[in-house]
């Protein structure tokens, strides 16, 4: 939803066969705001009695660890990508022998 809201703000959104008409923007922005607020609500640390400190911060720790791992993978893999996956799959299909 956040991606849809950003695309709508940039003017890159093209409605499909089904759309909500003039309510589309309102529903998109409301849904994106709701998702952001609920994510904050879930991640917010809460005190758990007689438990180690990292249980209170576990969601934030995991998000940070995954972000760092994702950035590392992106930095390592990105230079090796020469074309979008669709183009690479299309060219590899052309060179494969036919089964029939």
N, C-alpha and C. Protein backbone atom coordinates (compact mmCIF):
# COMPACT_ATOMS: atom_id res chain seq x y z
N UNK A 1 0.82 -1.19 0.00
CA UNK A 1 0.00 0.00 0.00
C UNK A 1 0.86 1.25 0.00
N UNK A 2 1.97 1.20 0.72
CA UNK A 2 2.84 2.37 0.75
C UNK A 2 3.40 2.63 -0.64
N UNK A 3 3.77 1.55 -1.35
CA UNK A 3 4.25 1.69 -2.72
C UNK A 3 3.18 2.26 -3.63
N UNK A 4 1.95 1.84 -3.46
CA UNK A 4 0.84 2.38 -4.27
C UNK A 4 0.63 3.85 -3.96
N UNK A 5 0.74 4.23 -2.69
CA UNK A 5 0.58 5.63 -2.31
C UNK A 5 1.69 6.49 -2.91
N UNK A 6 2.93 5.98 -2.92
CA UNK A 6 4.04 6.72 -3.51
C UNK A 6 3.85 6.86 -5.01
N UNK A 7 3.44 5.78 -5.67
CA UNK A 7 3.19 5.85 -7.12
C UNK A 7 2.07 6.83 -7.43
N UNK A 8 1.05 6.86 -6.59
CA UNK A 8 -0.06 7.79 -6.80
C UNK A 8 0.40 9.24 -6.61
N UNK A 9 1.28 9.48 -5.63
CA UNK A 9 1.79 10.84 -5.40
C UNK A 9 2.66 11.30 -6.56
N UNK A 10 3.42 10.37 -7.15
CA UNK A 10 4.28 10.72 -8.28
C UNK A 10 3.50 10.86 -9.59
N UNK A 11 2.24 10.45 -9.58
CA UNK A 11 1.44 10.51 -10.79
C UNK A 11 1.67 9.34 -11.73
N UNK A 12 2.27 8.26 -11.23
CA UNK A 12 2.59 7.10 -12.05
C UNK A 12 1.54 6.00 -11.95
N UNK A 13 0.48 6.21 -11.19
CA UNK A 13 -0.55 5.19 -10.98
C UNK A 13 -1.51 5.19 -12.16
N UNK A 14 -1.72 4.00 -12.72
CA UNK A 14 -2.72 3.84 -13.78
C UNK A 14 -3.77 2.85 -13.28
N UNK A 15 -5.02 3.29 -13.15
CA UNK A 15 -6.05 2.39 -12.64
C UNK A 15 -6.31 1.23 -13.60
N UNK A 16 -6.66 0.09 -13.03
CA UNK A 16 -6.96 -1.10 -13.81
C UNK A 16 -8.45 -1.15 -14.17
N UNK A 17 -8.92 -2.36 -14.44
CA UNK A 17 -10.32 -2.55 -14.82
C UNK A 17 -11.24 -2.13 -13.67
N UNK A 18 -10.88 -2.53 -12.44
CA UNK A 18 -11.66 -2.14 -11.27
C UNK A 18 -10.96 -1.00 -10.56
N UNK A 19 -11.69 0.05 -10.27
CA UNK A 19 -11.15 1.13 -9.45
C UNK A 19 -12.28 1.76 -8.65
N UNK A 20 -11.92 2.54 -7.67
CA UNK A 20 -12.91 3.14 -6.78
C UNK A 20 -13.28 4.56 -7.18
N UNK A 21 -12.90 4.94 -8.37
CA UNK A 21 -13.24 6.28 -8.85
C UNK A 21 -12.57 7.36 -8.02
N UNK A 22 -13.36 8.34 -7.61
CA UNK A 22 -12.78 9.46 -6.87
C UNK A 22 -12.36 9.08 -5.45
N UNK A 23 -12.76 7.91 -4.98
CA UNK A 23 -12.39 7.45 -3.65
C UNK A 23 -11.05 6.70 -3.65
N UNK A 24 -10.48 6.44 -4.81
CA UNK A 24 -9.24 5.66 -4.89
C UNK A 24 -8.11 6.28 -4.08
N UNK A 25 -7.89 7.57 -4.25
CA UNK A 25 -6.80 8.23 -3.52
C UNK A 25 -7.02 8.17 -2.02
N UNK A 26 -8.23 8.46 -1.59
CA UNK A 26 -8.54 8.46 -0.16
C UNK A 26 -8.31 7.08 0.45
N UNK A 27 -8.78 6.05 -0.23
CA UNK A 27 -8.62 4.68 0.28
C UNK A 27 -7.15 4.29 0.28
N UNK A 28 -6.40 4.64 -0.76
CA UNK A 28 -4.98 4.29 -0.83
C UNK A 28 -4.19 4.95 0.28
N UNK A 29 -4.37 6.26 0.47
CA UNK A 29 -3.62 6.98 1.50
C UNK A 29 -4.04 6.54 2.90
N UNK A 30 -5.33 6.30 3.10
CA UNK A 30 -5.80 5.82 4.41
C UNK A 30 -5.23 4.45 4.73
N UNK A 31 -5.22 3.55 3.76
CA UNK A 31 -4.70 2.20 3.98
C UNK A 31 -3.19 2.25 4.26
N UNK A 32 -2.45 3.09 3.54
CA UNK A 32 -1.01 3.21 3.77
C UNK A 32 -0.75 3.75 5.18
N UNK A 33 -1.49 4.76 5.59
CA UNK A 33 -1.33 5.32 6.94
C UNK A 33 -1.67 4.27 8.00
N UNK A 34 -2.74 3.50 7.78
CA UNK A 34 -3.16 2.46 8.72
C UNK A 34 -2.07 1.40 8.86
N UNK A 35 -1.49 0.97 7.75
CA UNK A 35 -0.44 -0.05 7.79
C UNK A 35 0.78 0.47 8.54
N UNK A 36 1.17 1.70 8.29
CA UNK A 36 2.32 2.29 8.99
C UNK A 36 2.05 2.36 10.49
N UNK A 37 0.88 2.85 10.87
CA UNK A 37 0.55 2.96 12.30
C UNK A 37 0.46 1.60 12.98
N UNK A 38 -0.10 0.60 12.31
CA UNK A 38 -0.19 -0.73 12.91
C UNK A 38 1.18 -1.38 13.02
N UNK A 39 2.07 -1.12 12.07
CA UNK A 39 3.43 -1.64 12.16
C UNK A 39 4.14 -1.04 13.36
N UNK A 40 3.99 0.26 13.56
CA UNK A 40 4.58 0.91 14.73
C UNK A 40 3.99 0.32 16.01
N UNK A 41 2.69 0.08 16.03
CA UNK A 41 2.03 -0.50 17.20
C UNK A 41 2.58 -1.89 17.52
N UNK A 42 2.82 -2.70 16.50
CA UNK A 42 3.32 -4.06 16.72
C UNK A 42 4.78 -4.03 17.17
N UNK A 43 5.57 -3.16 16.58
CA UNK A 43 7.01 -3.12 16.85
C UNK A 43 7.34 -2.41 18.17
N UNK A 44 6.45 -1.55 18.65
CA UNK A 44 6.73 -0.76 19.84
C UNK A 44 7.08 -1.67 21.02
N UNK A 45 8.22 -1.42 21.67
CA UNK A 45 8.64 -2.29 22.79
C UNK A 45 7.69 -2.18 23.99
N UNK A 46 7.41 -3.30 24.58
CA UNK A 46 6.58 -3.35 25.78
C UNK A 46 7.34 -4.08 26.87
N UNK A 47 7.15 -3.65 28.09
CA UNK A 47 7.85 -4.25 29.21
C UNK A 47 7.25 -5.60 29.55
N UNK A 48 8.11 -6.60 29.61
CA UNK A 48 7.69 -7.94 30.00
C UNK A 48 8.42 -8.26 31.31
N UNK A 49 7.66 -8.49 32.36
CA UNK A 49 8.26 -8.72 33.67
C UNK A 49 9.10 -9.98 33.70
N UNK A 50 10.23 -9.90 34.40
CA UNK A 50 11.13 -11.04 34.61
C UNK A 50 11.64 -11.65 33.31
N UNK A 51 11.81 -10.84 32.29
CA UNK A 51 12.35 -11.31 31.02
C UNK A 51 13.56 -10.48 30.64
N UNK A 52 14.48 -11.02 29.84
CA UNK A 52 15.66 -10.25 29.43
C UNK A 52 15.25 -9.03 28.59
N UNK A 53 16.13 -8.03 28.57
CA UNK A 53 15.85 -6.77 27.88
C UNK A 53 15.59 -6.96 26.40
N UNK A 54 16.26 -7.93 25.76
CA UNK A 54 16.15 -8.06 24.31
C UNK A 54 14.78 -8.56 23.85
N UNK A 55 14.00 -9.15 24.75
CA UNK A 55 12.64 -9.53 24.37
C UNK A 55 11.77 -8.29 24.12
N UNK A 56 12.01 -7.22 24.89
CA UNK A 56 11.25 -5.98 24.67
C UNK A 56 11.60 -5.35 23.32
N UNK A 57 12.82 -5.52 22.88
CA UNK A 57 13.31 -4.87 21.67
C UNK A 57 13.49 -5.84 20.50
N UNK A 58 12.97 -7.04 20.62
CA UNK A 58 13.24 -8.08 19.62
C UNK A 58 12.79 -7.70 18.22
N UNK A 59 11.62 -7.10 18.07
CA UNK A 59 11.13 -6.74 16.74
C UNK A 59 12.03 -5.69 16.09
N UNK A 60 12.43 -4.70 16.85
CA UNK A 60 13.29 -3.65 16.30
C UNK A 60 14.67 -4.23 15.96
N UNK A 61 15.18 -5.10 16.81
CA UNK A 61 16.47 -5.73 16.55
C UNK A 61 16.41 -6.55 15.26
N UNK A 62 15.36 -7.34 15.09
CA UNK A 62 15.22 -8.18 13.90
C UNK A 62 15.08 -7.31 12.64
N UNK A 63 14.30 -6.26 12.70
CA UNK A 63 14.14 -5.37 11.54
C UNK A 63 15.49 -4.76 11.16
N UNK A 64 16.26 -4.33 12.15
CA UNK A 64 17.58 -3.74 11.87
C UNK A 64 18.53 -4.78 11.28
N UNK A 65 18.54 -5.99 11.84
CA UNK A 65 19.40 -7.05 11.32
C UNK A 65 19.03 -7.39 9.88
N UNK A 66 17.73 -7.53 9.60
CA UNK A 66 17.29 -7.83 8.24
C UNK A 66 17.61 -6.69 7.27
N UNK A 67 17.52 -5.46 7.73
CA UNK A 67 17.88 -4.32 6.88
C UNK A 67 19.35 -4.34 6.52
N UNK A 68 20.21 -4.64 7.50
CA UNK A 68 21.65 -4.70 7.24
C UNK A 68 21.97 -5.86 6.29
N UNK A 69 21.39 -7.03 6.54
CA UNK A 69 21.62 -8.18 5.65
C UNK A 69 21.12 -7.87 4.24
N UNK A 70 19.95 -7.25 4.14
CA UNK A 70 19.42 -6.88 2.83
C UNK A 70 20.32 -5.91 2.09
N UNK A 71 20.86 -4.92 2.79
CA UNK A 71 21.78 -3.98 2.16
C UNK A 71 23.06 -4.65 1.70
N UNK A 72 23.57 -5.57 2.50
CA UNK A 72 24.77 -6.29 2.11
C UNK A 72 24.51 -7.14 0.87
N UNK A 73 23.41 -7.88 0.86
CA UNK A 73 23.07 -8.69 -0.31
C UNK A 73 22.88 -7.81 -1.53
N UNK A 74 22.20 -6.69 -1.36
CA UNK A 74 21.98 -5.77 -2.49
C UNK A 74 23.31 -5.28 -3.05
N UNK A 75 24.22 -4.87 -2.17
CA UNK A 75 25.53 -4.35 -2.62
C UNK A 75 26.34 -5.43 -3.33
N UNK A 76 26.24 -6.68 -2.87
CA UNK A 76 27.02 -7.76 -3.47
C UNK A 76 26.40 -8.23 -4.80
N UNK A 77 25.08 -8.35 -4.84
CA UNK A 77 24.41 -8.93 -5.99
C UNK A 77 24.15 -7.90 -7.10
N UNK A 78 23.84 -6.69 -6.74
CA UNK A 78 23.44 -5.68 -7.72
C UNK A 78 24.42 -5.49 -8.87
N UNK A 79 25.73 -5.41 -8.65
CA UNK A 79 26.65 -5.22 -9.78
C UNK A 79 26.63 -6.37 -10.79
N UNK A 80 26.19 -7.56 -10.37
CA UNK A 80 26.17 -8.72 -11.26
C UNK A 80 24.91 -8.81 -12.10
N UNK A 81 23.91 -7.98 -11.84
CA UNK A 81 22.66 -8.02 -12.59
C UNK A 81 22.82 -7.16 -13.83
N UNK A 82 22.70 -7.78 -14.99
CA UNK A 82 22.90 -7.07 -16.25
C UNK A 82 21.58 -6.62 -16.89
N UNK A 83 20.49 -7.34 -16.62
CA UNK A 83 19.20 -7.01 -17.22
C UNK A 83 18.09 -7.45 -16.27
N UNK A 84 16.90 -6.88 -16.43
CA UNK A 84 15.77 -7.32 -15.59
C UNK A 84 15.51 -8.82 -15.75
N UNK A 85 14.96 -9.43 -14.73
CA UNK A 85 14.75 -10.88 -14.71
C UNK A 85 13.89 -11.35 -15.88
N UNK A 86 12.90 -10.57 -16.26
CA UNK A 86 12.04 -10.96 -17.37
C UNK A 86 12.82 -11.08 -18.67
N UNK A 87 13.72 -10.15 -18.91
CA UNK A 87 14.53 -10.19 -20.13
C UNK A 87 15.51 -11.35 -20.08
N UNK A 88 16.10 -11.61 -18.92
CA UNK A 88 17.04 -12.72 -18.80
C UNK A 88 16.35 -14.05 -18.99
N UNK A 89 15.15 -14.21 -18.45
CA UNK A 89 14.41 -15.46 -18.61
C UNK A 89 13.99 -15.63 -20.06
N UNK A 90 13.60 -14.56 -20.71
CA UNK A 90 13.17 -14.63 -22.10
C UNK A 90 14.31 -15.07 -23.01
N UNK A 91 15.49 -14.52 -22.79
CA UNK A 91 16.63 -14.88 -23.63
C UNK A 91 17.09 -16.31 -23.35
N UNK A 92 17.00 -16.76 -22.11
CA UNK A 92 17.42 -18.14 -21.80
C UNK A 92 16.41 -19.14 -22.37
N UNK A 93 15.13 -18.79 -22.46
CA UNK A 93 14.13 -19.66 -23.04
C UNK A 93 14.35 -19.84 -24.53
N UNK A 94 14.84 -18.79 -25.21
CA UNK A 94 15.06 -18.87 -26.65
C UNK A 94 16.19 -19.83 -26.99
N UNK A 95 17.19 -19.95 -26.11
CA UNK A 95 18.33 -20.80 -26.39
C UNK A 95 18.11 -22.25 -25.96
N UNK A 96 17.05 -22.50 -25.19
CA UNK A 96 16.78 -23.87 -24.73
C UNK A 96 16.18 -24.71 -25.86
N UNK A 97 16.57 -25.98 -25.95
CA UNK A 97 16.00 -26.83 -27.00
C UNK A 97 14.53 -27.11 -26.73
N UNK A 98 13.76 -27.26 -27.77
CA UNK A 98 12.34 -27.53 -27.60
C UNK A 98 12.12 -28.98 -27.22
N UNK A 99 11.07 -29.23 -26.44
CA UNK A 99 10.80 -30.57 -25.92
C UNK A 99 9.96 -31.37 -26.88
N UNK A 100 9.43 -30.79 -27.88
CA UNK A 100 8.49 -31.53 -28.69
C UNK A 100 8.89 -31.63 -30.07
